[in-house]
Amino acid sequence: MWQNELTLISETFEFDDIGNQVPIEKETEVFCNVKSVSRSEFYNAASTGLKPSLVFVVHEYEYSGEEIVKFEGNRYKVIRTYRKSVEEIELTCEKVIGNG
């Protein structure tokens, strides 16, 4: 169990020399389990324009509301969270096209 690694990516903003906001990413490595998206969840989400592709299960204490994660070189957007138990949370994610 907990055989996969997931990178949680949080984003803050700083100002550059001329006053533009510049995003700064902070990456946190955590262990996770990977699940497939259920057929019903996939089709229900697709009806609203979302395309869930994977579900990651992480320890809830390690997740701080990050909206982007990285898994096996691909970026994913967190489109839904579900508290599975007191210790675990599921992150339903869709692949971000064009970013590695």
Protein backbone atom coordinates (compact mmCIF):
# COMPACT_ATOMS: atom_id res chain seq x y z
CA MET A 1 0.00 0.00 0.00
CA TRP A 2 1.10 3.59 -0.67
CA GLN A 3 3.40 2.43 -3.46
CA ASN A 4 3.13 5.47 -5.75
CA GLU A 5 4.54 8.96 -5.42
CA LEU A 6 2.50 12.09 -6.11
CA THR A 7 3.70 15.67 -6.20
CA LEU A 8 1.31 18.22 -4.70
CA ILE A 9 1.89 21.67 -6.21
CA SER A 10 0.89 24.81 -4.35
CA GLU A 11 1.15 28.23 -5.93
CA THR A 12 1.88 31.59 -4.37
CA PHE A 13 2.61 34.90 -6.04
CA GLU A 14 5.48 37.32 -5.67
CA PHE A 15 6.16 40.62 -7.40
CA ASP A 16 9.04 40.99 -9.83
CA ASP A 17 11.22 44.09 -10.24
CA ILE A 18 8.62 45.97 -12.27
CA GLY A 19 5.59 45.03 -10.14
CA ASN A 20 4.19 42.10 -12.10
CA GLN A 21 2.83 39.15 -10.14
CA VAL A 22 4.92 36.05 -10.79
CA PRO A 23 3.66 32.59 -9.75
CA ILE A 24 5.98 30.58 -7.51
CA GLU A 25 5.33 26.84 -7.26
CA LYS A 26 6.16 24.77 -4.21
CA GLU A 27 6.27 21.00 -4.72
CA THR A 28 5.62 18.47 -1.96
CA GLU A 29 6.20 14.75 -2.54
CA VAL A 30 3.72 12.37 -0.87
CA PHE A 31 2.86 8.69 -1.17
CA CYS A 32 -0.49 7.78 -2.69
CA ASN A 33 -2.67 5.03 -4.05
CA VAL A 34 -4.02 5.34 -7.59
CA LYS A 35 -7.54 4.34 -8.61
CA SER A 36 -9.45 4.45 -11.85
CA VAL A 37 -12.37 6.82 -12.23
CA SER A 38 -15.63 4.88 -12.05
CA ARG A 39 -17.72 4.70 -15.19
CA SER A 40 -20.64 6.56 -13.62
CA GLU A 41 -18.39 9.30 -12.23
CA PHE A 42 -16.73 9.71 -15.63
CA TYR A 43 -20.03 10.11 -17.50
CA ASN A 44 -21.59 12.36 -14.85
CA ALA A 45 -18.55 14.65 -14.93
CA ALA A 46 -18.43 14.62 -18.73
CA SER A 47 -21.97 16.01 -18.84
CA THR A 48 -20.64 19.14 -17.11
CA GLY A 49 -17.55 19.45 -19.31
CA LEU A 50 -15.07 17.80 -16.93
CA LYS A 51 -12.83 14.88 -17.94
CA PRO A 52 -11.70 12.99 -14.85
CA SER A 53 -8.90 10.56 -15.59
CA LEU A 54 -7.42 9.35 -12.28
CA VAL A 55 -8.22 9.29 -8.57
CA PHE A 56 -5.38 9.65 -6.08
CA VAL A 57 -5.81 8.64 -2.44
CA VAL A 58 -3.53 10.53 -0.04
CA HIS A 59 -3.30 11.04 3.70
CA GLU A 60 -5.60 13.92 4.56
CA TYR A 61 -3.02 15.58 6.81
CA GLU A 62 -0.64 15.89 3.82
CA TYR A 63 -3.18 17.62 1.55
CA SER A 64 -3.60 21.39 1.94
CA GLY A 65 -6.01 22.24 -0.86
CA GLU A 66 -3.51 22.08 -3.73
CA GLU A 67 -5.25 22.40 -7.10
CA ILE A 68 -2.47 20.92 -9.25
CA VAL A 69 -0.65 17.60 -8.83
CA LYS A 70 2.02 15.82 -10.85
CA PHE A 71 2.13 12.06 -11.39
CA GLU A 72 4.53 10.14 -13.62
CA GLY A 73 5.61 13.32 -15.42
CA ASN A 74 2.05 14.55 -16.15
CA ARG A 75 0.17 17.41 -14.54
CA TYR A 76 -3.38 16.99 -13.32
CA LYS A 77 -5.96 19.46 -12.07
CA VAL A 78 -7.88 18.47 -8.93
CA ILE A 79 -11.56 18.72 -9.89
CA ARG A 80 -13.08 17.10 -6.80
CA THR A 81 -12.07 15.97 -3.34
CA TYR A 82 -13.82 13.35 -1.25
CA ARG A 83 -13.02 12.55 2.36
CA LYS A 84 -12.78 8.77 2.29
CA SER A 85 -12.08 8.33 6.01
CA VAL A 86 -10.60 10.21 8.93
CA GLU A 87 -7.12 9.63 7.50
CA GLU A 88 -7.64 9.54 3.71
CA ILE A 89 -8.90 11.88 1.03
CA GLU A 90 -9.54 11.11 -2.63
CA LEU A 91 -8.45 13.61 -5.27
CA THR A 92 -10.34 13.17 -8.54
CA CYS A 93 -8.16 14.72 -11.25
CA GLU A 94 -8.20 15.52 -14.93
CA LYS A 95 -5.06 15.62 -17.04
CA VAL A 96 -3.78 19.06 -17.96
CA ILE A 97 -3.11 19.00 -21.70
CA GLY A 98 0.19 20.43 -22.90
CA ASN A 99 2.03 20.47 -19.56
CA GLY A 100 4.55 17.97 -18.36
